[in-house]
C-alpha atoms as a PDB file:
ATOM      1  CA  MET A   1      14.416  10.565  27.961  1.00  0.00           C
ATOM      2  CA  LYS A   2      14.704   6.890  27.230  1.00  0.00           C
ATOM      3  CA  ALA A   3      14.240   5.926  23.596  1.00  0.00           C
ATOM      4  CA  ARG A   4      12.063   3.027  24.627  1.00  0.00           C
ATOM      5  CA  ILE A   5       9.334   5.532  25.594  1.00  0.00           C
ATOM      6  CA  LEU A   6       8.560   5.600  21.894  1.00  0.00           C
ATOM      7  CA  LEU A   7       7.632   1.937  21.981  1.00  0.00           C
ATOM      8  CA  THR A   8       4.749   2.706  24.318  1.00  0.00           C
ATOM      9  CA  VAL A   9       3.590   5.412  21.925  1.00  0.00           C
ATOM     10  CA  SER A  10       3.417   2.828  19.126  1.00  0.00           C
ATOM     11  CA  ALA A  11       0.762   0.771  20.846  1.00  0.00           C
ATOM     12  CA  ALA A  12      -1.020   3.721  22.403  1.00  0.00           C
ATOM     13  CA  LEU A  13      -1.362   5.629  19.152  1.00  0.00           C
ATOM     14  CA  LEU A  14      -2.723   2.637  17.275  1.00  0.00           C
ATOM     15  CA  PHE A  15      -5.189   1.862  20.056  1.00  0.00           C
ATOM     16  CA  THR A  16      -6.547   5.381  20.320  1.00  0.00           C
ATOM     17  CA  ILE A  17      -7.041   6.319  16.670  1.00  0.00           C
ATOM     18  CA  VAL A  18      -8.952   3.276  15.420  1.00  0.00           C
ATOM     19  CA  PHE A  19     -12.466   4.442  14.486  1.00  0.00           C
ATOM     20  CA  HIS A  20     -15.536   2.654  15.799  1.00  0.00           C
ATOM     21  CA  SER A  21     -18.097   1.527  13.214  1.00  0.00           C
ATOM     22  CA  CYS A  22     -20.820   4.073  12.445  1.00  0.00           C
ATOM     23  CA  LYS A  23     -24.506   3.265  12.933  1.00  0.00           C
ATOM     24  CA  LYS A  24     -26.444   2.355   9.803  1.00  0.00           C
ATOM     25  CA  GLU A  25     -29.188   4.601   8.476  1.00  0.00           C
ATOM     26  CA  SER A  26     -32.666   3.382   7.582  1.00  0.00           C
ATOM     27  CA  SER A  27     -32.691   3.996   3.819  1.00  0.00           C
ATOM     28  CA  SER A  28     -30.670   1.755   1.534  1.00  0.00           C
ATOM     29  CA  ALA A  29     -28.793   4.700  -0.015  1.00  0.00           C
ATOM     30  CA  ASN A  30     -27.674   6.019   3.367  1.00  0.00           C
ATOM     31  CA  THR A  31     -26.879   2.516   4.618  1.00  0.00           C
ATOM     32  CA  ASP A  32     -24.468   1.917   1.747  1.00  0.00           C
ATOM     33  CA  PHE A  33     -22.834   5.315   2.249  1.00  0.00           C
ATOM     34  CA  THR A  34     -22.551   5.023   6.019  1.00  0.00           C
ATOM     35  CA  THR A  35     -21.022   1.575   5.835  1.00  0.00           C
ATOM     36  CA  GLU A  36     -18.437   2.643   3.268  1.00  0.00           C
ATOM     37  CA  ALA A  37     -17.565   5.791   5.239  1.00  0.00           C
ATOM     38  CA  SER A  38     -17.055   3.716   8.366  1.00  0.00           C
ATOM     39  CA  VAL A  39     -14.911   1.082   6.642  1.00  0.00           C
ATOM     40  CA  GLN A  40     -12.671   3.643   4.904  1.00  0.00           C
ATOM     41  CA  SER A  41     -12.201   5.609   8.128  1.00  0.00           C
ATOM     42  CA  ASP A  42     -11.208   2.440   9.934  1.00  0.00           C
ATOM     43  CA  ASP A  43      -8.883   1.249   7.126  1.00  0.00           C
ATOM     44  CA  GLN A  44      -7.052   4.565   6.906  1.00  0.00           C
ATOM     45  CA  SER A  45      -6.766   4.989  10.679  1.00  0.00           C
ATOM     46  CA  ARG A  46      -5.300   1.521  11.158  1.00  0.00           C
ATOM     47  CA  PHE A  47      -2.851   2.011   8.290  1.00  0.00           C
ATOM     48  CA  SER A  48      -1.756   5.421   9.562  1.00  0.00           C
ATOM     49  CA  GLY A  49      -1.385   4.135  13.114  1.00  0.00           C
ATOM     50  CA  GLU A  50       0.777   1.202  12.040  1.00  0.00           C
ATOM     51  CA  VAL A  51       3.037   3.406   9.904  1.00  0.00           C
ATOM     52  CA  ASP A  52       3.559   5.617  12.945  1.00  0.00           C
ATOM     53  CA  ALA A  53       4.104   2.582  15.182  1.00  0.00           C
ATOM     54  CA  ALA A  54       6.757   1.166  12.839  1.00  0.00           C
ATOM     55  CA  ASN A  55       8.511   4.524  12.764  1.00  0.00           C
ATOM     56  CA  ASN A  56       8.503   4.679  16.557  1.00  0.00           C
ATOM     57  CA  ASP A  57      10.216   1.284  16.615  1.00  0.00           C
ATOM     58  CA  ALA A  58      12.654   2.372  13.903  1.00  0.00           C
ATOM     59  CA  ASN A  59      13.505   5.565  15.717  1.00  0.00           C
ATOM     60  CA  ALA A  60      14.024   3.747  19.009  1.00  0.00           C
ATOM     61  CA  ALA A  61      16.334   1.235  17.309  1.00  0.00           C
ATOM     62  CA  LEU A  62      18.344   3.941  15.563  1.00  0.00           C
ATOM     63  CA  GLU A  63      18.901   5.801  18.815  1.00  0.00           C
ATOM     64  CA  THR A  64      20.153   2.845  20.818  1.00  0.00           C
ATOM     65  CA  TYR A  65      22.808   1.201  18.644  1.00  0.00           C
ATOM     66  CA  THR A  66      26.357   2.462  19.117  1.00  0.00           C
ATOM     67  CA  ASN A  67      27.514   2.035  15.532  1.00  0.00           C
ATOM     68  CA  LEU A  68      24.605   4.071  14.228  1.00  0.00           C
ATOM     69  CA  THR A  69      24.383   6.975  16.683  1.00  0.00           C
ATOM     70  CA  GLY A  70      27.412   6.886  18.978  1.00  0.00           C
ATOM     71  CA  ARG A  71      25.331   5.733  21.956  1.00  0.00           C
ATOM     72  CA  ASN A  72      25.528   2.406  23.714  1.00  0.00           C
ATOM     73  CA  GLU A  73      22.267   1.098  25.097  1.00  0.00           C
ATOM     74  CA  SER A  74      20.510  -2.197  24.487  1.00  0.00           C
ATOM     75  CA  ILE A  75      17.022  -2.052  23.018  1.00  0.00           C
ATOM     76  CA  GLN A  76      13.988  -4.149  23.731  1.00  0.00           C
ATOM     77  CA  ILE A  77      11.003  -3.928  21.386  1.00  0.00           C
ATOM     78  CA  CYS A  78       7.921  -5.651  22.710  1.00  0.00           C
ATOM     79  CA  ASN A  79       7.523  -9.168  21.306  1.00  0.00           C
ATOM     80  CA  ALA A  80      10.086  -8.714  18.555  1.00  0.00           C
ATOM     81  CA  THR A  81      13.664  -9.684  17.799  1.00  0.00           C
ATOM     82  CA  VAL A  82      16.215  -7.172  16.520  1.00  0.00           C
ATOM     83  CA  VAL A  83      19.214  -7.990  14.300  1.00  0.00           C
ATOM     84  CA  VAL A  84      21.819  -5.338  13.423  1.00  0.00           C
ATOM     85  CA  ASP A  85      24.220  -5.429  10.461  1.00  0.00           C
ATOM     86  CA  SER A  86      26.575  -2.476  10.877  1.00  0.00           C
ATOM     87  CA  ALA A  87      29.192  -3.754   8.383  1.00  0.00           C
ATOM     88  CA  SER A  88      27.110  -3.678   5.211  1.00  0.00           C
ATOM     89  CA  ASN A  89      26.319  -0.645   3.073  1.00  0.00           C
ATOM     90  CA  PRO A  90      23.661   0.369   3.736  1.00  0.00           C
ATOM     91  CA  ARG A  91      23.734  -0.681   7.355  1.00  0.00           C
ATOM     92  CA  THR A  92      20.531  -2.402   8.435  1.00  0.00           C
ATOM     93  CA  ILE A  93      18.423  -3.075  11.490  1.00  0.00           C
ATOM     94  CA  THR A  94      15.825  -5.825  11.067  1.00  0.00           C
ATOM     95  CA  ILE A  95      12.909  -5.972  13.489  1.00  0.00           C
ATOM     96  CA  THR A  96      10.904  -9.215  13.289  1.00  0.00           C
ATOM     97  CA  TYR A  97       7.597  -9.391  15.163  1.00  0.00           C
ATOM     98  CA  ASN A  98       6.621 -12.720  16.696  1.00  0.00           C
ATOM     99  CA  GLY A  99       2.821 -12.498  16.582  1.00  0.00           C
ATOM    100  CA  THR A 100       2.069 -12.299  20.286  1.00  0.00           C
ATOM    101  CA  GLY A 101       0.182  -9.499  21.961  1.00  0.00           C
ATOM    102  CA  CYS A 102       1.771  -6.370  23.383  1.00  0.00           C
ATOM    103  CA  VAL A 103       0.453  -3.143  24.881  1.00  0.00           C
ATOM    104  CA  GLY A 104      -2.807  -2.324  23.101  1.00  0.00           C
ATOM    105  CA  ASN A 105      -5.247  -4.558  21.265  1.00  0.00           C
ATOM    106  CA  THR A 106      -3.260  -5.864  18.271  1.00  0.00           C
ATOM    107  CA  THR A 107      -0.709  -8.497  17.338  1.00  0.00           C
ATOM    108  CA  ARG A 108       1.978  -8.184  14.651  1.00  0.00           C
ATOM    109  CA  THR A 109       3.868 -10.610  12.430  1.00  0.00           C
ATOM    110  CA  GLY A 110       6.330  -9.954   9.611  1.00  0.00           C
ATOM    111  CA  SER A 111       9.243  -7.547   9.746  1.00  0.00           C
ATOM    112  CA  ILE A 112      10.567  -4.096   8.979  1.00  0.00           C
ATOM    113  CA  VAL A 113      14.104  -3.401   7.762  1.00  0.00           C
ATOM    114  CA  ILE A 114      15.702  -0.052   8.516  1.00  0.00           C
ATOM    115  CA  SER A 115      18.464   0.860   6.051  1.00  0.00           C
ATOM    116  CA  ILE A 116      20.904   3.706   6.652  1.00  0.00           C
ATOM    117  CA  PRO A 117      23.819   4.438   4.259  1.00  0.00           C
ATOM    118  CA  GLN A 118      27.385   4.338   5.513  1.00  0.00           C
ATOM    119  CA  GLY A 119      28.441   7.840   6.519  1.00  0.00           C
ATOM    120  CA  THR A 120      24.912   8.917   7.428  1.00  0.00           C
ATOM    121  CA  HIS A 121      24.365   9.818  11.081  1.00  0.00           C
ATOM    122  CA  TRP A 122      20.758   9.749  12.252  1.00  0.00           C
ATOM    123  CA  ARG A 123      21.333  12.636  14.656  1.00  0.00           C
ATOM    124  CA  ASP A 124      22.231  15.016  11.783  1.00  0.00           C
ATOM    125  CA  ALA A 125      19.721  17.387  10.204  1.00  0.00           C
ATOM    126  CA  GLY A 126      18.480  15.984   6.899  1.00  0.00           C
ATOM    127  CA  ALA A 127      19.584  12.403   7.624  1.00  0.00           C
ATOM    128  CA  ALA A 128      17.345  10.066   5.618  1.00  0.00           C
ATOM    129  CA  ILE A 129      16.777   6.334   6.026  1.00  0.00           C
ATOM    130  CA  THR A 130      14.571   3.753   4.319  1.00  0.00           C
ATOM    131  CA  VAL A 131      12.051   1.655   6.231  1.00  0.00           C
ATOM    132  CA  THR A 132      10.940  -1.445   4.290  1.00  0.00           C
ATOM    133  CA  TYR A 133       7.862  -3.442   5.273  1.00  0.00           C
ATOM    134  CA  ASN A 134       7.962  -7.182   4.634  1.00  0.00           C
ATOM    135  CA  ALA A 135       4.463  -8.650   5.030  1.00  0.00           C
ATOM    136  CA  LEU A 136       3.855  -6.733   8.244  1.00  0.00           C
ATOM    137  CA  LYS A 137       0.484  -8.125   9.295  1.00  0.00           C
ATOM    138  CA  ILE A 138      -1.445  -6.408  12.056  1.00  0.00           C
ATOM    139  CA  THR A 139      -4.418  -8.225  13.551  1.00  0.00           C
ATOM    140  CA  ARG A 140      -6.935  -6.509  15.801  1.00  0.00           C
ATOM    141  CA  ILE A 141      -7.665  -8.839  18.693  1.00  0.00           C
ATOM    142  CA  SER A 142     -11.208  -7.592  19.316  1.00  0.00           C
ATOM    143  CA  ASP A 143     -12.581  -8.704  15.925  1.00  0.00           C
ATOM    144  CA  ASN A 144      -9.642 -10.659  14.388  1.00  0.00           C
ATOM    145  CA  LYS A 145      -9.550  -8.279  11.399  1.00  0.00           C
ATOM    146  CA  SER A 146      -6.168  -7.633   9.831  1.00  0.00           C
ATOM    147  CA  ILE A 147      -4.254  -5.478   7.382  1.00  0.00           C
ATOM    148  CA  THR A 148      -0.926  -6.415   5.778  1.00  0.00           C
ATOM    149  CA  ILE A 149       1.576  -3.754   4.721  1.00  0.00           C
ATOM    150  CA  ASN A 150       4.373  -4.080   2.161  1.00  0.00           C
ATOM    151  CA  GLY A 151       6.543  -1.469   0.476  1.00  0.00           C
ATOM    152  CA  SER A 152       8.872   1.201   1.801  1.00  0.00           C
ATOM    153  CA  HIS A 153       9.043   4.818   2.831  1.00  0.00           C
ATOM    154  CA  THR A 154      11.698   7.408   3.548  1.00  0.00           C
ATOM    155  CA  LEU A 155      12.056   8.640   7.123  1.00  0.00           C
ATOM    156  CA  THR A 156      13.968  11.936   7.391  1.00  0.00           C
ATOM    157  CA  ASN A 157      15.280  13.626  10.529  1.00  0.00           C
ATOM    158  CA  VAL A 158      14.361  17.110   9.320  1.00  0.00           C
ATOM    159  CA  THR A 159      15.753  19.132  12.214  1.00  0.00           C
ATOM    160  CA  GLY A 160      18.344  16.664  13.442  1.00  0.00           C
ATOM    161  CA  GLY A 161      18.746  15.656  17.063  1.00  0.00           C
ATOM    162  CA  LEU A 162      17.933  12.586  19.166  1.00  0.00           C
ATOM    163  CA  MET A 163      14.990  12.031  21.477  1.00  0.00           C
ATOM    164  CA  ILE A 164      17.247  11.724  24.503  1.00  0.00           C
ATOM    165  CA  ASN A 165      18.103  15.393  23.981  1.00  0.00           C
ATOM    166  CA  LEU A 166      14.538  16.562  23.307  1.00  0.00           C
ATOM    167  CA  PRO A 167      14.040  18.399  26.637  1.00  0.00           C
ATOM    168  CA  VAL A 168      17.076  20.528  25.735  1.00  0.00           C
ATOM    169  CA  LEU A 169      16.454  20.868  21.988  1.00  0.00           C
ATOM    170  CA  GLY A 170      12.791  21.752  22.422  1.00  0.00           C
ATOM    171  CA  THR A 171      11.632  20.460  19.018  1.00  0.00           C
ATOM    172  CA  ILE A 172      12.522  17.576  16.686  1.00  0.00           C
ATOM    173  CA  LYS A 173      10.778  17.027  13.345  1.00  0.00           C
ATOM    174  CA  HIS A 174      10.647  13.874  11.218  1.00  0.00           C
ATOM    175  CA  SER A 175       9.041  13.475   7.799  1.00  0.00           C
ATOM    176  CA  ILE A 176       7.571  10.301   6.276  1.00  0.00           C
ATOM    177  CA  THR A 177       7.109  10.017   2.508  1.00  0.00           C
ATOM    178  CA  SER A 178       6.223   7.098   0.219  1.00  0.00           C
ATOM    179  CA  ASN A 179       4.586   6.370  -3.127  1.00  0.00           C
ATOM    180  CA  ASN A 180       4.563   2.564  -2.988  1.00  0.00           C
ATOM    181  CA  MET A 181       2.962   1.415   0.254  1.00  0.00           C
ATOM    182  CA  SER A 182       0.857  -1.664  -0.481  1.00  0.00           C
ATOM    183  CA  VAL A 183      -1.948  -2.500   1.943  1.00  0.00           C
ATOM    184  CA  THR A 184      -3.909  -5.768   1.821  1.00  0.00           C
ATOM    185  CA  PHE A 185      -7.212  -5.819   3.693  1.00  0.00           C
ATOM    186  CA  ASP A 186      -8.824  -8.747   5.485  1.00  0.00           C
ATOM    187  CA  ASN A 187     -11.120  -9.416   2.490  1.00  0.00           C
ATOM    188  CA  GLY A 188      -8.084  -9.912   0.212  1.00  0.00           C
ATOM    189  CA  THR A 189      -8.361  -6.546  -1.549  1.00  0.00           C
ATOM    190  CA  GLN A 190      -4.947  -4.964  -2.226  1.00  0.00           C
ATOM    191  CA  ARG A 191      -4.302  -1.270  -2.853  1.00  0.00           C
ATOM    192  CA  THR A 192      -1.305   1.060  -3.175  1.00  0.00           C
ATOM    193  CA  TRP A 193      -1.342   4.156  -0.997  1.00  0.00           C
ATOM    194  CA  GLN A 194       0.883   7.229  -0.821  1.00  0.00           C
ATOM    195  CA  VAL A 195       2.060   8.913   2.370  1.00  0.00           C
ATOM    196  CA  ALA A 196       3.344  12.425   3.128  1.00  0.00           C
ATOM    197  CA  LYS A 197       3.368  13.652   6.708  1.00  0.00           C
ATOM    198  CA  GLU A 198       5.473  15.366   9.328  1.00  0.00           C
ATOM    199  CA  ARG A 199       5.726  14.407  12.976  1.00  0.00           C
ATOM    200  CA  THR A 200       6.820  17.077  15.449  1.00  0.00           C
ATOM    201  CA  PHE A 201       8.186  15.967  18.826  1.00  0.00           C
ATOM    202  CA  THR A 202       8.177  18.425  21.731  1.00  0.00           C
ATOM    203  CA  TYR A 203       8.477  18.116  25.496  1.00  0.00           C
ATOM    204  CA  ALA A 204       5.841  19.467  27.906  1.00  0.00           C
ATOM    205  CA  ASN A 205       5.471  17.423  31.097  1.00  0.00           C
ATOM    206  CA  GLY A 206       6.552  14.512  28.898  1.00  0.00           C
ATOM    207  CA  LEU A 207       6.678  13.656  25.216  1.00  0.00           C
ATOM    208  CA  VAL A 208       4.196  15.351  22.863  1.00  0.00           C
ATOM    209  CA  ILE A 209       3.832  14.105  19.255  1.00  0.00           C
ATOM    210  CA  SER A 210       1.969  16.213  16.705  1.00  0.00           C
ATOM    211  CA  THR A 211       1.305  14.777  13.221  1.00  0.00           C
ATOM    212  CA  ARG A 212       0.111  16.619  10.118  1.00  0.00           C
ATOM    213  CA  GLY A 213      -0.120  15.924   6.388  1.00  0.00           C
ATOM    214  CA  THR A 214       2.267  17.731   4.030  1.00  0.00           C
ATOM    215  CA  HIS A 215       1.046  16.877   0.517  1.00  0.00           C
ATOM    216  CA  THR A 216      -0.802  19.402  -1.654  1.00  0.00           C
ATOM    217  CA  ASP A 217      -3.149  18.546  -4.524  1.00  0.00           C
ATOM    218  CA  GLY A 218      -4.487  21.654  -6.248  1.00  0.00           C
ATOM    219  CA  ALA A 219      -6.115  23.795  -3.596  1.00  0.00           C
ATOM    220  CA  VAL A 220      -6.186  20.966  -1.027  1.00  0.00           C
ATOM    221  CA  THR A 221      -3.350  21.093   1.510  1.00  0.00           C
ATOM    222  CA  GLY A 222      -2.420  18.978   4.520  1.00  0.00           C
ATOM    223  CA  ILE A 223      -2.958  15.624   2.793  1.00  0.00           C
ATOM    224  CA  ALA A 224      -1.387  12.772   4.781  1.00  0.00           C
ATOM    225  CA  GLU A 225      -2.510   9.689   2.799  1.00  0.00           C
ATOM    226  CA  TRP A 226      -4.127   9.185  -0.590  1.00  0.00           C
ATOM    227  CA  GLY A 227      -4.841   6.332  -2.985  1.00  0.00           C
ATOM    228  CA  THR A 228      -7.784   4.000  -3.649  1.00  0.00           C
ATOM    229  CA  THR A 229     -10.166   2.519  -1.105  1.00  0.00           C
ATOM    230  CA  ARG A 230     -10.879  -1.196  -0.896  1.00  0.00           C
ATOM    231  CA  ASN A 231     -14.059  -0.402  -2.855  1.00  0.00           C
ATOM    232  CA  GLY A 232     -12.077   1.112  -5.734  1.00  0.00           C
ATOM    233  CA  ARG A 233     -12.796   4.793  -5.062  1.00  0.00           C
ATOM    234  CA  ALA A 234     -10.037   7.419  -5.079  1.00  0.00           C
ATOM    235  CA  PHE A 235      -9.606   9.058  -1.663  1.00  0.00           C
ATOM    236  CA  THR A 236      -7.566  11.642   0.209  1.00  0.00           C
ATOM    237  CA  THR A 237      -7.156  12.036   3.951  1.00  0.00           C
ATOM    238  CA  ARG A 238      -5.964  15.390   5.228  1.00  0.00           C
ATOM    239  CA  THR A 239      -5.264  16.675   8.719  1.00  0.00           C
ATOM    240  CA  ALA A 240      -7.457  19.702   9.262  1.00  0.00           C
ATOM    241  CA  GLU A 241      -5.919  19.970  12.740  1.00  0.00           C
ATOM    242  CA  PRO A 242      -2.749  18.110  13.836  1.00  0.00           C
ATOM    243  CA  LEU A 243      -3.206  14.814  15.671  1.00  0.00           C
ATOM    244  CA  VAL A 244      -1.642  15.196  19.118  1.00  0.00           C
ATOM    245  CA  VAL A 245      -0.534  12.380  21.434  1.00  0.00           C
ATOM    246  CA  ARG A 246       0.666  13.282  24.934  1.00  0.00           C
ATOM    247  CA  GLN A 247       2.738  11.269  27.388  1.00  0.00           C
ATOM    248  CA  ASP A 248       1.214  13.102  30.376  1.00  0.00           C
ATOM    249  CA  CYS A 249      -2.192  11.798  29.273  1.00  0.00           C
ATOM    250  CA  LEU A 250      -1.049   8.168  29.164  1.00  0.00           C
ATOM    251  CA  PHE A 251       0.044   8.509  25.513  1.00  0.00           C
ATOM    252  CA  ARG A 252      -3.555   9.029  24.383  1.00  0.00           C
ATOM    253  CA  LEU A 253      -4.692  10.932  21.321  1.00  0.00           C
ATOM    254  CA  THR A 254      -5.800  14.184  22.950  1.00  0.00           C
ATOM    255  CA  SER A 255      -6.851  16.343  19.997  1.00  0.00           C
ATOM    256  CA  GLY A 256      -6.932  16.630  16.217  1.00  0.00           C
ATOM    257  CA  LYS A 257      -9.203  16.528  13.198  1.00  0.00           C
ATOM    258  CA  VAL A 258      -9.000  14.525   9.971  1.00  0.00           C
ATOM    259  CA  VAL A 259     -11.065  14.818   6.801  1.00  0.00           C
ATOM    260  CA  HIS A 260     -11.634  11.837   4.481  1.00  0.00           C
ATOM    261  CA  THR A 261     -12.786  12.687   0.949  1.00  0.00           C
ATOM    262  CA  VAL A 262     -13.814   9.656  -1.098  1.00  0.00           C
ATOM    263  CA  GLY A 263     -14.323  10.595  -4.739  1.00  0.00           C
ATOM    264  CA  THR A 264     -17.547  12.528  -5.200  1.00  0.00           C
ATOM    265  CA  ALA A 265     -19.428  10.137  -2.938  1.00  0.00           C
ATOM    266  CA  PHE A 266     -18.903  11.605   0.512  1.00  0.00           C
ATOM    267  CA  THR A 267     -16.725  13.520   2.933  1.00  0.00           C
ATOM    268  CA  ALA A 268     -16.265  12.342   6.533  1.00  0.00           C
ATOM    269  CA  THR A 269     -14.705  14.489   9.269  1.00  0.00           C
ATOM    270  CA  THR A 270     -13.600  13.158  12.645  1.00  0.00           C
ATOM    271  CA  THR A 271     -12.699  15.357  15.621  1.00  0.00           C
ATOM    272  CA  PHE A 272     -10.792  13.852  18.574  1.00  0.00           C
ATOM    273  CA  GLY A 273     -10.340  14.857  22.219  1.00  0.00           C
ATOM    274  CA  LEU A 274     -13.977  15.446  23.232  1.00  0.00           C
ATOM    275  CA  ASP A 275     -16.180  14.582  26.182  1.00  0.00           C
ATOM    276  CA  ALA A 276     -19.493  12.705  26.006  1.00  0.00           C
ATOM    277  CA  GLN A 277     -21.278  15.956  25.127  1.00  0.00           C
ATOM    278  CA  GLY A 278     -18.929  16.716  22.242  1.00  0.00           C
ATOM    279  CA  ASN A 279     -16.922  19.432  24.003  1.00  0.00           C
ATOM    280  CA  PRO A 280     -13.091  19.599  24.065  1.00  0.00           C
ATOM    281  CA  VAL A 281     -11.671  18.111  27.254  1.00  0.00           C
ATOM    282  CA  SER A 282      -8.155  17.772  28.632  1.00  0.00           C
ATOM    283  CA  CYS A 283      -7.148  14.278  29.725  1.00  0.00           C
ATOM    284  CA  PRO A 284     -10.333  12.808  31.218  1.00  0.00           C
ATOM    285  CA  VAL A 285     -10.235   9.981  33.734  1.00  0.00           C
ATOM    286  CA  GLY A 286     -12.444   7.855  31.489  1.00  0.00           C
ATOM    287  CA  SER A 287     -12.807   7.685  27.741  1.00  0.00           C
ATOM    288  CA  TYR A 288     -12.256  10.396  25.205  1.00  0.00           C
ATOM    289  CA  TYR A 289     -14.940  10.765  22.543  1.00  0.00           C
ATOM    290  CA  MET A 290     -14.647  11.430  18.822  1.00  0.00           C
ATOM    291  CA  LYS A 291     -17.273  13.192  16.764  1.00  0.00           C
ATOM    292  CA  VAL A 292     -17.830  11.738  13.295  1.00  0.00           C
ATOM    293  CA  GLU A 293     -19.625  13.926  10.766  1.00  0.00           C
ATOM    294  CA  TRP A 294     -20.294  12.808   7.219  1.00  0.00           C
ATOM    295  CA  THR A 295     -22.058  14.317   4.254  1.00  0.00           C
ATOM    296  CA  GLY A 296     -23.655  12.220   1.513  1.00  0.00           C
ATOM    297  CA  PRO A 297     -24.219  13.010  -2.192  1.00  0.00           C
ATOM    298  CA  ASN A 298     -27.605  14.594  -1.390  1.00  0.00           C
ATOM    299  CA  GLY A 299     -25.965  17.049   1.028  1.00  0.00           C
ATOM    300  CA  THR A 300     -27.424  15.493   4.167  1.00  0.00           C
ATOM    301  CA  THR A 301     -25.083  15.681   7.160  1.00  0.00           C
ATOM    302  CA  HIS A 302     -24.982  13.011   9.874  1.00  0.00           C
ATOM    303  CA  THR A 303     -23.255  13.285  13.263  1.00  0.00           C
ATOM    304  CA  ALA A 304     -22.359  10.691  15.898  1.00  0.00           C
ATOM    305  CA  LEU A 305     -20.178  10.508  19.018  1.00  0.00           C
ATOM    306  CA  TYR A 306     -18.116   7.418  19.882  1.00  0.00           C
ATOM    307  CA  PRO A 307     -15.782   6.703  22.827  1.00  0.00           C
ATOM    308  CA  TYR A 308     -12.169   5.680  22.217  1.00  0.00           C
END
C-alpha cells in the first residue's frame, strides 16, 4: 500500500465528519440551546478532523523518508512543501501548507513540524514522535469559517509496523495524546483542548481506519476530546461507537457514534452511516445521513437527520 493513500484520507475524513447546522426551535430557550449544540458539534468535529488529517500527513511523511524509516520514496502532500532535517536531534520534518484548495472543501495555511529523536525508528512498537502545530489555519470554503490550531501532541506507534506492510500485519494502532492544543475560532475566541484517542488501521478490501477515545473521567470512558467551548462551558466528547472510515467506500465515514456533553446544559449524540430513513446502510451511491439527537435541561429530546 502506498503511504500517500493516507493523504486522501485526510481530506475525506474532514469532509465527511463536519456537522451540518441544526434547525432552530420556536421558543427562545430551545433556540439558544439548539444553536449552541450545533456550534459545539461543528467546532469539535472540525478540530478532530484536522488533528487526524495532520497525523495522516505526518505518518505519510515518516514512512517515505529513507533516513527515518529505511525506505526510499519521494512524498507529495497536496498543496504543501516538505523540508527534512535528518542531521539534527531530534530529526524534523516540516510540512508547510500553501493555502490553496485540495481534495475536500477546505484550505490550509501554517505548518506542522514532526520531531523524532535520534535512534528512534517509527516502525518499532512504542516509537513516539511529537507533532507541533504552528498557526495551522483551516478555512472551510463553503462558508469561509476557520479554526486555527497551535500546540503539540504525541503520536505513538503502539503496535509498530508501517502502512506498506498493513495487508500482512493485519492491524496497526497509533495513539494521539495532548494537554496543550490551542484552538482559535473564527470569532476570535481561544480555548485549550485535550486529546486522547487511538486509531486502529486494518485492511479489508482497502484501508479501514477506526478511531475511539481513550480517556476516562470518573465513570465516563471513551473520551476523545475535552476542554471548554467557545461559550465558556466545560465539555467532553466521547466515542460511544468507533468512527470508521473505509477506502472501499471512497474514504467516507461509514459508521460511528459520538456523544457531546456540555456542562449541565445539554447532551448531543450523533450517529453516522445511515440512510434517509435513519437506518444503517453500507456504502450508498448518494449521501450518507447522520442522526443528531439532543436533550435540553428540561429533558426534552430533539431528533434530526442531515446528509453528509
